Amino acid sequence: MQTNGLVYKRCYVDWGGRCAYCGVGLPKVKHVDGKIRASVDHFIPLGKGGLNSRGNRVLACYPCNLAKNDTDPRETKQWPHIEQRLAELAVAPKMGQRKLKMLTAEIVAQVFPQHNADVKEENSHDAAAALPPSSEGATGVREPEQRDHLT
């Protein structure tokens, strides 16, 4: 039996970290800052005969999921591209949790490239801040102070 977190991760990877309906990039977790930001939506609603399977699950931002509500795409002929992708997913082999974890990290980097740059910059600032003010090299020789080239 799959947990909700695992179902979300699989859906996140299957849909490339983006809402199937509007294409907005979504976080790798459903809840951010105590608010629901993303969800797994049943493309064909369960109440209208849809299955609770990989071939009927889409990643959706919360506003799109609410707007779709219990709309049955078979009746409205909406979202044919999603229907095609679901048919592909229904026959695709399942991936293990290790591969899921690796792919999730890659997708987050693709969906939020600026976030990753900010994190790297933040980490380099943290590393620089951890150095003592009179930083001496490994030889014990004091390094020259860096000066701003604009002054």
Foldseek 3Di string as FASTA:
>chain_A
DDDQLVVLLQQCLLALQAALPPGAHHDSDQDDPNDGFKHWAQQQDVVNPGDPDQLGIHIHTPVVRVVCPNPGCVVVVPDPVSNVSSVVRVPDDDDDPVVSVVSNVVSCCVNCVVVVVVVVVVVVVVVVVPADPQHDDPVRHTDDDDDDPVD
